[in-house]
Amino acid sequence: MIVVPFWDYSNSVRVIAIRNLRDFWEIHPEAEVPLKAWLDEARAASWQTPADIKARYANASILKSRRVVFNIKGNDYRLIVAVAYQFGAIYIKFVGTHKQYAAINADTVEIDS
């Protein structure tokens, strides 16, 4: 008999592509603590709608295609994620400086892996 493990994700959000955050804070060490704080909060969140995100992060920008832009470290950095509300997952799409953010299309950007 094959036993399939069961994980209850109802109380936590899975963040996918965390390595991209780590790679970024290795280049920008001053971003490490704020990104880790965001990561801890995101993992503990139970966001069901964009309004849930706005309730916690009033300065977050809700974009089309379930994308959200977060200001990190007083808006020195920008983090773009796609939120799969139904599955409780967040996909890192972009992390960069404010200047780098100005050069991309937040609606379509994908992190280079």
N, C-alpha and C. Protein backbone atom coordinates (compact mmCIF):
# COMPACT_ATOMS: atom_id res chain seq x y z
N MET A 1 0.84 -1.17 0.00
CA MET A 1 0.00 0.00 0.00
C MET A 1 0.89 1.24 0.00
N ILE A 2 0.55 2.20 -0.83
CA ILE A 2 1.29 3.46 -0.88
C ILE A 2 0.61 4.46 0.04
N VAL A 3 1.40 5.05 0.91
CA VAL A 3 0.88 6.06 1.82
C VAL A 3 1.31 7.43 1.30
N VAL A 4 0.34 8.28 1.06
CA VAL A 4 0.63 9.63 0.58
C VAL A 4 0.60 10.56 1.79
N PRO A 5 1.67 11.31 2.00
CA PRO A 5 1.68 12.21 3.16
C PRO A 5 0.66 13.32 2.99
N PHE A 6 0.13 13.77 4.10
CA PHE A 6 -0.84 14.86 4.11
C PHE A 6 -0.24 16.04 4.86
N TRP A 7 -0.24 17.16 4.19
CA TRP A 7 0.21 18.40 4.84
C TRP A 7 -0.96 19.34 4.87
N ASP A 8 -1.19 19.93 6.00
CA ASP A 8 -2.27 20.90 6.13
C ASP A 8 -1.70 22.28 5.84
N TYR A 9 -1.98 22.80 4.65
CA TYR A 9 -1.49 24.12 4.26
C TYR A 9 -2.49 25.22 4.60
N SER A 10 -3.56 24.88 5.26
CA SER A 10 -4.61 25.87 5.51
C SER A 10 -4.14 27.00 6.41
N ASN A 11 -3.13 26.76 7.22
CA ASN A 11 -2.67 27.78 8.15
C ASN A 11 -1.36 28.42 7.75
N SER A 12 -0.87 28.11 6.57
CA SER A 12 0.38 28.72 6.14
C SER A 12 0.39 28.89 4.63
N VAL A 13 1.18 29.83 4.19
CA VAL A 13 1.33 30.10 2.77
C VAL A 13 2.68 29.56 2.34
N ARG A 14 2.71 28.90 1.20
CA ARG A 14 3.97 28.43 0.64
C ARG A 14 4.55 29.53 -0.23
N VAL A 15 5.80 29.85 -0.01
CA VAL A 15 6.48 30.85 -0.82
C VAL A 15 7.45 30.10 -1.73
N ILE A 16 7.26 30.29 -3.03
CA ILE A 16 8.03 29.56 -4.02
C ILE A 16 9.06 30.49 -4.65
N ALA A 17 10.28 29.98 -4.78
CA ALA A 17 11.43 30.71 -5.34
C ALA A 17 12.10 31.60 -4.30
N ILE A 18 12.16 31.11 -3.06
CA ILE A 18 12.83 31.86 -1.99
C ILE A 18 14.30 32.08 -2.32
N ARG A 19 14.88 31.15 -3.05
CA ARG A 19 16.28 31.28 -3.42
C ARG A 19 16.56 32.63 -4.09
N ASN A 20 15.60 33.13 -4.84
CA ASN A 20 15.77 34.42 -5.49
C ASN A 20 15.89 35.55 -4.47
N LEU A 21 15.17 35.44 -3.37
CA LEU A 21 15.32 36.44 -2.30
C LEU A 21 16.71 36.34 -1.69
N ARG A 22 17.15 35.11 -1.41
CA ARG A 22 18.48 34.91 -0.83
C ARG A 22 19.58 35.44 -1.75
N ASP A 23 19.46 35.13 -3.03
CA ASP A 23 20.45 35.63 -3.99
C ASP A 23 20.50 37.15 -3.97
N PHE A 24 19.33 37.78 -3.85
CA PHE A 24 19.27 39.25 -3.84
C PHE A 24 19.91 39.82 -2.59
N TRP A 25 19.59 39.25 -1.40
CA TRP A 25 20.15 39.85 -0.20
C TRP A 25 21.63 39.55 -0.03
N GLU A 26 22.15 38.58 -0.75
CA GLU A 26 23.60 38.39 -0.74
C GLU A 26 24.30 39.54 -1.46
N ILE A 27 23.67 40.08 -2.48
CA ILE A 27 24.21 41.24 -3.20
C ILE A 27 23.89 42.54 -2.47
N HIS A 28 22.73 42.59 -1.83
CA HIS A 28 22.24 43.77 -1.10
C HIS A 28 21.98 43.37 0.35
N PRO A 29 23.03 43.26 1.17
CA PRO A 29 22.86 42.75 2.55
C PRO A 29 21.87 43.56 3.40
N GLU A 30 21.73 44.84 3.10
CA GLU A 30 20.79 45.66 3.88
C GLU A 30 19.34 45.28 3.62
N ALA A 31 19.09 44.48 2.60
CA ALA A 31 17.73 44.01 2.30
C ALA A 31 17.40 42.71 3.02
N GLU A 32 18.39 42.05 3.60
CA GLU A 32 18.15 40.73 4.20
C GLU A 32 17.11 40.75 5.31
N VAL A 33 17.28 41.61 6.29
CA VAL A 33 16.35 41.63 7.42
C VAL A 33 14.93 42.00 6.98
N PRO A 34 14.76 43.06 6.17
CA PRO A 34 13.39 43.36 5.74
C PRO A 34 12.76 42.26 4.88
N LEU A 35 13.54 41.61 4.01
CA LEU A 35 12.99 40.52 3.21
C LEU A 35 12.64 39.32 4.07
N LYS A 36 13.48 39.01 5.05
CA LYS A 36 13.16 37.90 5.96
C LYS A 36 11.91 38.21 6.77
N ALA A 37 11.75 39.46 7.18
CA ALA A 37 10.54 39.84 7.93
C ALA A 37 9.30 39.68 7.05
N TRP A 38 9.39 40.13 5.79
CA TRP A 38 8.27 39.95 4.87
C TRP A 38 7.98 38.46 4.68
N LEU A 39 9.03 37.67 4.50
CA LEU A 39 8.88 36.24 4.28
C LEU A 39 8.18 35.57 5.47
N ASP A 40 8.59 35.92 6.68
CA ASP A 40 7.94 35.36 7.87
C ASP A 40 6.45 35.73 7.92
N GLU A 41 6.15 36.99 7.61
CA GLU A 41 4.75 37.42 7.63
C GLU A 41 3.95 36.73 6.52
N ALA A 42 4.54 36.61 5.35
CA ALA A 42 3.84 35.97 4.24
C ALA A 42 3.54 34.51 4.54
N ARG A 43 4.51 33.82 5.11
CA ARG A 43 4.30 32.40 5.44
C ARG A 43 3.19 32.20 6.47
N ALA A 44 3.03 33.16 7.37
CA ALA A 44 2.02 33.05 8.41
C ALA A 44 0.66 33.59 7.98
N ALA A 45 0.61 34.22 6.82
CA ALA A 45 -0.62 34.87 6.35
C ALA A 45 -1.66 33.86 5.91
N SER A 46 -2.88 34.34 5.84
CA SER A 46 -3.98 33.53 5.29
C SER A 46 -4.76 34.40 4.31
N TRP A 47 -4.03 34.92 3.34
CA TRP A 47 -4.64 35.81 2.35
C TRP A 47 -5.58 35.04 1.44
N GLN A 48 -6.82 35.47 1.41
CA GLN A 48 -7.83 34.86 0.54
C GLN A 48 -8.18 35.77 -0.64
N THR A 49 -7.92 37.07 -0.47
CA THR A 49 -8.27 38.05 -1.50
C THR A 49 -7.22 39.17 -1.48
N PRO A 50 -7.17 39.98 -2.54
CA PRO A 50 -6.28 41.14 -2.52
C PRO A 50 -6.59 42.09 -1.35
N ALA A 51 -7.84 42.17 -0.96
CA ALA A 51 -8.22 43.03 0.16
C ALA A 51 -7.53 42.60 1.45
N ASP A 52 -7.31 41.31 1.62
CA ASP A 52 -6.60 40.82 2.81
C ASP A 52 -5.17 41.34 2.83
N ILE A 53 -4.54 41.38 1.66
CA ILE A 53 -3.17 41.90 1.58
C ILE A 53 -3.17 43.39 1.87
N LYS A 54 -4.11 44.13 1.27
CA LYS A 54 -4.17 45.58 1.49
C LYS A 54 -4.46 45.92 2.94
N ALA A 55 -5.18 45.06 3.64
CA ALA A 55 -5.48 45.31 5.06
C ALA A 55 -4.20 45.31 5.89
N ARG A 56 -3.24 44.50 5.51
CA ARG A 56 -1.97 44.41 6.23
C ARG A 56 -0.91 45.34 5.65
N TYR A 57 -0.89 45.45 4.33
CA TYR A 57 0.11 46.25 3.62
C TYR A 57 -0.61 47.31 2.79
N ALA A 58 -0.94 48.42 3.42
CA ALA A 58 -1.70 49.47 2.74
C ALA A 58 -0.97 50.02 1.51
N ASN A 59 0.36 49.98 1.53
CA ASN A 59 1.14 50.51 0.40
C ASN A 59 1.39 49.49 -0.70
N ALA A 60 0.91 48.28 -0.54
CA ALA A 60 1.08 47.27 -1.59
C ALA A 60 0.23 47.68 -2.79
N SER A 61 0.75 47.39 -3.97
CA SER A 61 0.00 47.68 -5.20
C SER A 61 -0.53 46.37 -5.76
N ILE A 62 -1.83 46.32 -5.98
CA ILE A 62 -2.46 45.14 -6.54
C ILE A 62 -2.50 45.32 -8.06
N LEU A 63 -1.90 44.38 -8.77
CA LEU A 63 -1.85 44.43 -10.22
C LEU A 63 -2.75 43.35 -10.80
N LYS A 64 -2.85 43.34 -12.13
CA LYS A 64 -3.63 42.28 -12.77
C LYS A 64 -2.88 40.95 -12.66
N SER A 65 -3.53 39.90 -13.02
CA SER A 65 -2.96 38.55 -12.99
C SER A 65 -2.50 38.15 -11.60
N ARG A 66 -3.23 38.56 -10.59
CA ARG A 66 -2.96 38.20 -9.18
C ARG A 66 -1.61 38.67 -8.68
N ARG A 67 -1.00 39.62 -9.32
CA ARG A 67 0.31 40.12 -8.90
C ARG A 67 0.17 41.23 -7.87
N VAL A 68 1.16 41.26 -6.98
CA VAL A 68 1.20 42.28 -5.93
C VAL A 68 2.62 42.81 -5.85
N VAL A 69 2.74 44.13 -5.71
CA VAL A 69 4.04 44.77 -5.52
C VAL A 69 4.13 45.23 -4.08
N PHE A 70 5.18 44.78 -3.39
CA PHE A 70 5.43 45.18 -2.01
C PHE A 70 6.63 46.12 -1.98
N ASN A 71 6.52 47.16 -1.16
CA ASN A 71 7.65 48.05 -0.91
C ASN A 71 8.44 47.46 0.25
N ILE A 72 9.72 47.30 0.05
CA ILE A 72 10.59 46.69 1.05
C ILE A 72 11.61 47.71 1.52
N LYS A 73 11.83 47.76 2.81
CA LYS A 73 12.81 48.67 3.43
C LYS A 73 12.55 50.12 3.02
N GLY A 74 11.36 50.58 3.38
CA GLY A 74 11.02 51.97 3.12
C GLY A 74 11.00 52.33 1.65
N ASN A 75 10.65 51.35 0.82
CA ASN A 75 10.55 51.54 -0.63
C ASN A 75 11.90 51.61 -1.32
N ASP A 76 12.98 51.20 -0.64
CA ASP A 76 14.28 51.10 -1.30
C ASP A 76 14.28 49.96 -2.30
N TYR A 77 13.48 48.94 -2.01
CA TYR A 77 13.42 47.74 -2.84
C TYR A 77 11.96 47.43 -3.17
N ARG A 78 11.78 46.70 -4.26
CA ARG A 78 10.45 46.28 -4.65
C ARG A 78 10.44 44.77 -4.82
N LEU A 79 9.35 44.18 -4.40
CA LEU A 79 9.14 42.75 -4.50
C LEU A 79 7.82 42.52 -5.22
N ILE A 80 7.87 41.77 -6.31
CA ILE A 80 6.66 41.43 -7.04
C ILE A 80 6.41 39.95 -6.87
N VAL A 81 5.19 39.63 -6.48
CA VAL A 81 4.80 38.23 -6.32
C VAL A 81 3.49 37.99 -7.06
N ALA A 82 3.27 36.74 -7.42
CA ALA A 82 1.97 36.30 -7.92
C ALA A 82 1.37 35.44 -6.81
N VAL A 83 0.14 35.73 -6.46
CA VAL A 83 -0.51 35.02 -5.36
C VAL A 83 -1.56 34.06 -5.92
N ALA A 84 -1.41 32.80 -5.58
CA ALA A 84 -2.42 31.80 -5.92
C ALA A 84 -3.28 31.61 -4.67
N TYR A 85 -4.27 32.47 -4.54
CA TYR A 85 -5.09 32.50 -3.32
C TYR A 85 -5.71 31.14 -3.02
N GLN A 86 -6.23 30.49 -4.03
CA GLN A 86 -6.92 29.21 -3.86
C GLN A 86 -6.00 28.14 -3.29
N PHE A 87 -4.72 28.18 -3.68
CA PHE A 87 -3.77 27.15 -3.25
C PHE A 87 -2.89 27.58 -2.09
N GLY A 88 -2.98 28.83 -1.66
CA GLY A 88 -2.15 29.31 -0.57
C GLY A 88 -0.68 29.34 -0.93
N ALA A 89 -0.39 29.85 -2.13
CA ALA A 89 1.00 29.89 -2.59
C ALA A 89 1.33 31.27 -3.12
N ILE A 90 2.58 31.65 -2.93
CA ILE A 90 3.11 32.92 -3.44
C ILE A 90 4.33 32.59 -4.28
N TYR A 91 4.36 33.14 -5.48
CA TYR A 91 5.47 32.92 -6.39
C TYR A 91 6.26 34.23 -6.53
N ILE A 92 7.54 34.18 -6.21
CA ILE A 92 8.39 35.36 -6.35
C ILE A 92 8.61 35.58 -7.85
N LYS A 93 8.26 36.78 -8.32
CA LYS A 93 8.42 37.12 -9.73
C LYS A 93 9.57 38.10 -9.96
N PHE A 94 9.85 38.94 -8.96
CA PHE A 94 10.90 39.95 -9.11
C PHE A 94 11.26 40.48 -7.73
N VAL A 95 12.53 40.72 -7.54
CA VAL A 95 12.99 41.49 -6.38
C VAL A 95 14.13 42.35 -6.90
N GLY A 96 14.08 43.62 -6.57
CA GLY A 96 15.11 44.51 -7.08
C GLY A 96 15.07 45.87 -6.42
N THR A 97 16.02 46.69 -6.83
CA THR A 97 16.06 48.06 -6.33
C THR A 97 14.92 48.85 -6.97
N HIS A 98 14.68 50.02 -6.43
CA HIS A 98 13.66 50.89 -7.01
C HIS A 98 14.01 51.23 -8.45
N LYS A 99 15.29 51.46 -8.72
CA LYS A 99 15.75 51.78 -10.08
C LYS A 99 15.52 50.59 -11.02
N GLN A 100 15.84 49.38 -10.57
CA GLN A 100 15.61 48.20 -11.39
C GLN A 100 14.12 48.01 -11.67
N TYR A 101 13.31 48.26 -10.66
CA TYR A 101 11.86 48.13 -10.81
C TYR A 101 11.34 49.09 -11.88
N ALA A 102 11.88 50.29 -11.93
CA ALA A 102 11.44 51.28 -12.91
C ALA A 102 11.71 50.84 -14.35
N ALA A 103 12.62 49.89 -14.52
CA ALA A 103 13.02 49.46 -15.86
C ALA A 103 12.27 48.21 -16.35
N ILE A 104 11.35 47.68 -15.54
CA ILE A 104 10.67 46.44 -15.92
C ILE A 104 9.16 46.66 -16.03
N ASN A 105 8.48 45.70 -16.60
CA ASN A 105 7.02 45.71 -16.64
C ASN A 105 6.54 44.79 -15.52
N ALA A 106 5.98 45.38 -14.49
CA ALA A 106 5.58 44.61 -13.31
C ALA A 106 4.50 43.58 -13.60
N ASP A 107 3.73 43.79 -14.65
CA ASP A 107 2.66 42.86 -14.99
C ASP A 107 3.15 41.59 -15.66
N THR A 108 4.35 41.63 -16.21
CA THR A 108 4.82 40.46 -16.98
C THR A 108 6.19 39.94 -16.57
N VAL A 109 6.90 40.64 -15.73
CA VAL A 109 8.27 40.25 -15.38
C VAL A 109 8.30 38.85 -14.77
N GLU A 110 9.32 38.11 -15.13
CA GLU A 110 9.59 36.79 -14.55
C GLU A 110 11.05 36.78 -14.12
N ILE A 111 11.31 36.23 -12.97
CA ILE A 111 12.70 36.14 -12.49
C ILE A 111 13.46 35.17 -13.36
N ASP A 112 14.67 35.52 -13.72
CA ASP A 112 15.53 34.61 -14.48
C ASP A 112 16.11 33.58 -13.52
N SER A 113 15.89 32.33 -13.83
CA SER A 113 16.42 31.27 -12.95
C SER A 113 17.69 30.70 -13.52
